[in-house]
């Protein structure tokens, strides 16, 4: 669901209809994944060199 929202620039309501999950569930897991990505930012996100 996270990649669907980010990759396709879709709002939670579209994801709600696509995956038939409650808005609360979508919001909860989206926030959890965003937090995890934030925690890994030093390992996952690099500045361009050059």
PDB file of N, CA and C in Angstrom:
ATOM      1  N   UNK A   1       0.817  -1.187   0.000  1.00  0.00           N
ATOM      2  CA  UNK A   1       0.000   0.000   0.000  1.00  0.00           C
ATOM      3  C   UNK A   1       0.864   1.254   0.000  1.00  0.00           C
ATOM      4  N   UNK A   2       1.932   1.219   0.782  1.00  0.00           N
ATOM      5  CA  UNK A   2       2.828   2.379   0.851  1.00  0.00           C
ATOM      6  C   UNK A   2       3.402   2.694  -0.532  1.00  0.00           C
ATOM      7  N   UNK A   3       3.928   1.675  -1.195  1.00  0.00           N
ATOM      8  CA  UNK A   3       4.510   1.898  -2.521  1.00  0.00           C
ATOM      9  C   UNK A   3       3.457   2.327  -3.530  1.00  0.00           C
ATOM     10  N   UNK A   4       2.253   1.846  -3.375  1.00  0.00           N
ATOM     11  CA  UNK A   4       1.164   2.242  -4.273  1.00  0.00           C
ATOM     12  C   UNK A   4       0.867   3.733  -4.121  1.00  0.00           C
ATOM     13  N   UNK A   5       0.809   4.209  -2.891  1.00  0.00           N
ATOM     14  CA  UNK A   5       0.549   5.635  -2.644  1.00  0.00           C
ATOM     15  C   UNK A   5       1.700   6.480  -3.163  1.00  0.00           C
ATOM     16  N   UNK A   6       2.919   6.108  -2.801  1.00  0.00           N
ATOM     17  CA  UNK A   6       4.092   6.904  -3.180  1.00  0.00           C
ATOM     18  C   UNK A   6       4.391   6.784  -4.671  1.00  0.00           C
ATOM     19  N   UNK A   7       4.373   5.575  -5.195  1.00  0.00           N
ATOM     20  CA  UNK A   7       4.737   5.344  -6.596  1.00  0.00           C
ATOM     21  C   UNK A   7       3.727   5.866  -7.594  1.00  0.00           C
ATOM     22  N   UNK A   8       2.460   5.860  -7.224  1.00  0.00           N
ATOM     23  CA  UNK A   8       1.412   6.278  -8.156  1.00  0.00           C
ATOM     24  C   UNK A   8       0.792   7.615  -7.780  1.00  0.00           C
ATOM     25  N   UNK A   9       1.355   8.256  -6.741  1.00  0.00           N
ATOM     26  CA  UNK A   9       0.864   9.562  -6.300  1.00  0.00           C
ATOM     27  C   UNK A   9      -0.649   9.530  -6.056  1.00  0.00           C
ATOM     28  N   UNK A  10      -1.087   8.522  -5.303  1.00  0.00           N
ATOM     29  CA  UNK A  10      -2.512   8.376  -5.024  1.00  0.00           C
ATOM     30  C   UNK A  10      -2.808   8.728  -3.576  1.00  0.00           C
ATOM     31  N   UNK A  11      -4.017   9.155  -3.351  1.00  0.00           N
ATOM     32  CA  UNK A  11      -4.431   9.503  -1.993  1.00  0.00           C
ATOM     33  C   UNK A  11      -4.972   8.254  -1.293  1.00  0.00           C
ATOM     34  N   UNK A  12      -5.085   8.336   0.010  1.00  0.00           N
ATOM     35  CA  UNK A  12      -5.509   7.192   0.819  1.00  0.00           C
ATOM     36  C   UNK A  12      -6.879   6.659   0.422  1.00  0.00           C
ATOM     37  N   UNK A  13      -7.776   7.528   0.002  1.00  0.00           N
ATOM     38  CA  UNK A  13      -9.126   7.081  -0.359  1.00  0.00           C
ATOM     39  C   UNK A  13      -9.095   6.127  -1.551  1.00  0.00           C
ATOM     40  N   UNK A  14      -8.225   6.379  -2.519  1.00  0.00           N
ATOM     41  CA  UNK A  14      -8.090   5.479  -3.673  1.00  0.00           C
ATOM     42  C   UNK A  14      -7.535   4.139  -3.212  1.00  0.00           C
ATOM     43  N   UNK A  15      -6.543   4.179  -2.330  1.00  0.00           N
ATOM     44  CA  UNK A  15      -5.963   2.948  -1.795  1.00  0.00           C
ATOM     45  C   UNK A  15      -7.013   2.184  -0.988  1.00  0.00           C
ATOM     46  N   UNK A  16      -7.834   2.913  -0.248  1.00  0.00           N
ATOM     47  CA  UNK A  16      -8.927   2.304   0.517  1.00  0.00           C
ATOM     48  C   UNK A  16      -9.832   1.503  -0.412  1.00  0.00           C
ATOM     49  N   UNK A  17     -10.180   2.052  -1.546  1.00  0.00           N
ATOM     50  CA  UNK A  17     -11.047   1.360  -2.503  1.00  0.00           C
ATOM     51  C   UNK A  17     -10.325   0.215  -3.195  1.00  0.00           C
ATOM     52  N   UNK A  18      -9.033   0.369  -3.465  1.00  0.00           N
ATOM     53  CA  UNK A  18      -8.268  -0.658  -4.164  1.00  0.00           C
ATOM     54  C   UNK A  18      -8.025  -1.883  -3.286  1.00  0.00           C
ATOM     55  N   UNK A  19      -7.622  -1.664  -2.050  1.00  0.00           N
ATOM     56  CA  UNK A  19      -7.236  -2.761  -1.165  1.00  0.00           C
ATOM     57  C   UNK A  19      -8.313  -3.143  -0.155  1.00  0.00           C
ATOM     58  N   UNK A  20      -9.444  -2.487  -0.190  1.00  0.00           N
ATOM     59  CA  UNK A  20     -10.560  -2.715   0.733  1.00  0.00           C
ATOM     60  C   UNK A  20     -10.103  -2.835   2.191  1.00  0.00           C
ATOM     61  N   UNK A  21      -9.380  -1.831   2.624  1.00  0.00           N
ATOM     62  CA  UNK A  21      -8.960  -1.703   4.019  1.00  0.00           C
ATOM     63  C   UNK A  21      -9.540  -0.401   4.564  1.00  0.00           C
ATOM     64  N   UNK A  22      -9.706  -0.333   5.863  1.00  0.00           N
ATOM     65  CA  UNK A  22     -10.257   0.885   6.456  1.00  0.00           C
ATOM     66  C   UNK A  22      -9.241   2.014   6.343  1.00  0.00           C
ATOM     67  N   UNK A  23      -9.740   3.231   6.376  1.00  0.00           N
ATOM     68  CA  UNK A  23      -8.860   4.396   6.309  1.00  0.00           C
ATOM     69  C   UNK A  23      -7.923   4.419   7.512  1.00  0.00           C
ATOM     70  N   UNK A  24      -8.407   3.964   8.658  1.00  0.00           N
ATOM     71  CA  UNK A  24      -7.575   3.915   9.861  1.00  0.00           C
ATOM     72  C   UNK A  24      -6.398   2.955   9.666  1.00  0.00           C
ATOM     73  N   UNK A  25      -6.660   1.794   9.093  1.00  0.00           N
ATOM     74  CA  UNK A  25      -5.599   0.812   8.846  1.00  0.00           C
ATOM     75  C   UNK A  25      -4.580   1.363   7.869  1.00  0.00           C
ATOM     76  N   UNK A  26      -5.040   1.969   6.791  1.00  0.00           N
ATOM     77  CA  UNK A  26      -4.138   2.540   5.793  1.00  0.00           C
ATOM     78  C   UNK A  26      -3.274   3.616   6.424  1.00  0.00           C
ATOM     79  N   UNK A  27      -3.883   4.500   7.184  1.00  0.00           N
ATOM     80  CA  UNK A  27      -3.149   5.586   7.819  1.00  0.00           C
ATOM     81  C   UNK A  27      -2.121   5.052   8.810  1.00  0.00           C
ATOM     82  N   UNK A  28      -2.520   4.078   9.609  1.00  0.00           N
ATOM     83  CA  UNK A  28      -1.628   3.522  10.627  1.00  0.00           C
ATOM     84  C   UNK A  28      -0.387   2.900   9.994  1.00  0.00           C
ATOM     85  N   UNK A  29      -0.581   2.072   8.977  1.00  0.00           N
ATOM     86  CA  UNK A  29       0.560   1.403   8.356  1.00  0.00           C
ATOM     87  C   UNK A  29       1.394   2.353   7.507  1.00  0.00           C
ATOM     88  N   UNK A  30       0.756   3.318   6.869  1.00  0.00           N
ATOM     89  CA  UNK A  30       1.515   4.307   6.103  1.00  0.00           C
ATOM     90  C   UNK A  30       2.462   5.066   7.027  1.00  0.00           C
ATOM     91  N   UNK A  31       1.948   5.473   8.187  1.00  0.00           N
ATOM     92  CA  UNK A  31       2.779   6.196   9.154  1.00  0.00           C
ATOM     93  C   UNK A  31       3.905   5.320   9.685  1.00  0.00           C
ATOM     94  N   UNK A  32       3.634   4.032   9.911  1.00  0.00           N
ATOM     95  CA  UNK A  32       4.672   3.125  10.401  1.00  0.00           C
ATOM     96  C   UNK A  32       5.792   2.963   9.377  1.00  0.00           C
ATOM     97  N   UNK A  33       5.430   2.833   8.113  1.00  0.00           N
ATOM     98  CA  UNK A  33       6.446   2.688   7.071  1.00  0.00           C
ATOM     99  C   UNK A  33       7.219   3.987   6.904  1.00  0.00           C
ATOM    100  N   UNK A  34       6.529   5.124   6.954  1.00  0.00           N
ATOM    101  CA  UNK A  34       7.229   6.410   6.861  1.00  0.00           C
ATOM    102  C   UNK A  34       8.225   6.572   8.003  1.00  0.00           C
ATOM    103  N   UNK A  35       7.848   6.157   9.197  1.00  0.00           N
ATOM    104  CA  UNK A  35       8.750   6.231  10.344  1.00  0.00           C
ATOM    105  C   UNK A  35       9.968   5.335  10.112  1.00  0.00           C
ATOM    106  N   UNK A  36       9.742   4.112   9.624  1.00  0.00           N
ATOM    107  CA  UNK A  36      10.843   3.180   9.366  1.00  0.00           C
ATOM    108  C   UNK A  36      11.787   3.726   8.301  1.00  0.00           C
ATOM    109  N   UNK A  37      11.254   4.303   7.245  1.00  0.00           N
ATOM    110  CA  UNK A  37      12.091   4.907   6.203  1.00  0.00           C
ATOM    111  C   UNK A  37      12.895   6.056   6.797  1.00  0.00           C
ATOM    112  N   UNK A  38      12.277   6.839   7.651  1.00  0.00           N
ATOM    113  CA  UNK A  38      12.986   7.935   8.314  1.00  0.00           C
ATOM    114  C   UNK A  38      14.128   7.432   9.175  1.00  0.00           C
ATOM    115  N   UNK A  39      13.920   6.321   9.859  1.00  0.00           N
ATOM    116  CA  UNK A  39      14.969   5.742  10.692  1.00  0.00           C
ATOM    117  C   UNK A  39      16.133   5.216   9.851  1.00  0.00           C
ATOM    118  N   UNK A  40      15.852   4.776   8.642  1.00  0.00           N
ATOM    119  CA  UNK A  40      16.880   4.212   7.761  1.00  0.00           C
ATOM    120  C   UNK A  40      17.437   5.226   6.770  1.00  0.00           C
ATOM    121  N   UNK A  41      17.046   6.472   6.904  1.00  0.00           N
ATOM    122  CA  UNK A  41      17.423   7.478   5.906  1.00  0.00           C
ATOM    123  C   UNK A  41      18.927   7.572   5.697  1.00  0.00           C
ATOM    124  N   UNK A  42      19.699   7.404   6.742  1.00  0.00           N
ATOM    125  CA  UNK A  42      21.154   7.486   6.611  1.00  0.00           C
ATOM    126  C   UNK A  42      21.738   6.368   5.769  1.00  0.00           C
ATOM    127  N   UNK A  43      21.071   5.225   5.751  1.00  0.00           N
ATOM    128  CA  UNK A  43      21.536   4.079   4.979  1.00  0.00           C
ATOM    129  C   UNK A  43      20.902   4.021   3.596  1.00  0.00           C
ATOM    130  N   UNK A  44      19.704   4.562   3.448  1.00  0.00           N
ATOM    131  CA  UNK A  44      18.963   4.439   2.198  1.00  0.00           C
ATOM    132  C   UNK A  44      19.102   5.649   1.288  1.00  0.00           C
ATOM    133  N   UNK A  45      19.289   6.813   1.855  1.00  0.00           N
ATOM    134  CA  UNK A  45      19.297   8.043   1.064  1.00  0.00           C
ATOM    135  C   UNK A  45      20.701   8.622   1.071  1.00  0.00           C
ATOM    136  N   UNK A  46      21.253   8.781  -0.097  1.00  0.00           N
ATOM    137  CA  UNK A  46      22.595   9.329  -0.237  1.00  0.00           C
ATOM    138  C   UNK A  46      22.543  10.588  -1.095  1.00  0.00           C
ATOM    139  N   UNK A  47      23.397  11.539  -0.765  1.00  0.00           N
ATOM    140  CA  UNK A  47      23.527  12.736  -1.592  1.00  0.00           C
ATOM    141  C   UNK A  47      24.285  12.370  -2.859  1.00  0.00           C
ATOM    142  N   UNK A  48      23.944  12.993  -3.976  1.00  0.00           N
ATOM    143  CA  UNK A  48      24.675  12.709  -5.208  1.00  0.00           C
ATOM    144  C   UNK A  48      26.130  13.156  -5.084  1.00  0.00           C
ATOM    145  N   UNK A  49      27.020  12.375  -5.648  1.00  0.00           N
ATOM    146  CA  UNK A  49      28.439  12.735  -5.628  1.00  0.00           C
ATOM    147  C   UNK A  49      28.795  13.416  -6.937  1.00  0.00           C
ATOM    148  N   UNK A  50      29.794  14.228  -6.872  1.00  0.00           N
ATOM    149  CA  UNK A  50      30.216  14.828  -8.129  1.00  0.00           C
ATOM    150  C   UNK A  50      30.444  16.224  -8.016  1.00  0.00           C
TER     151      UNK A  50
END
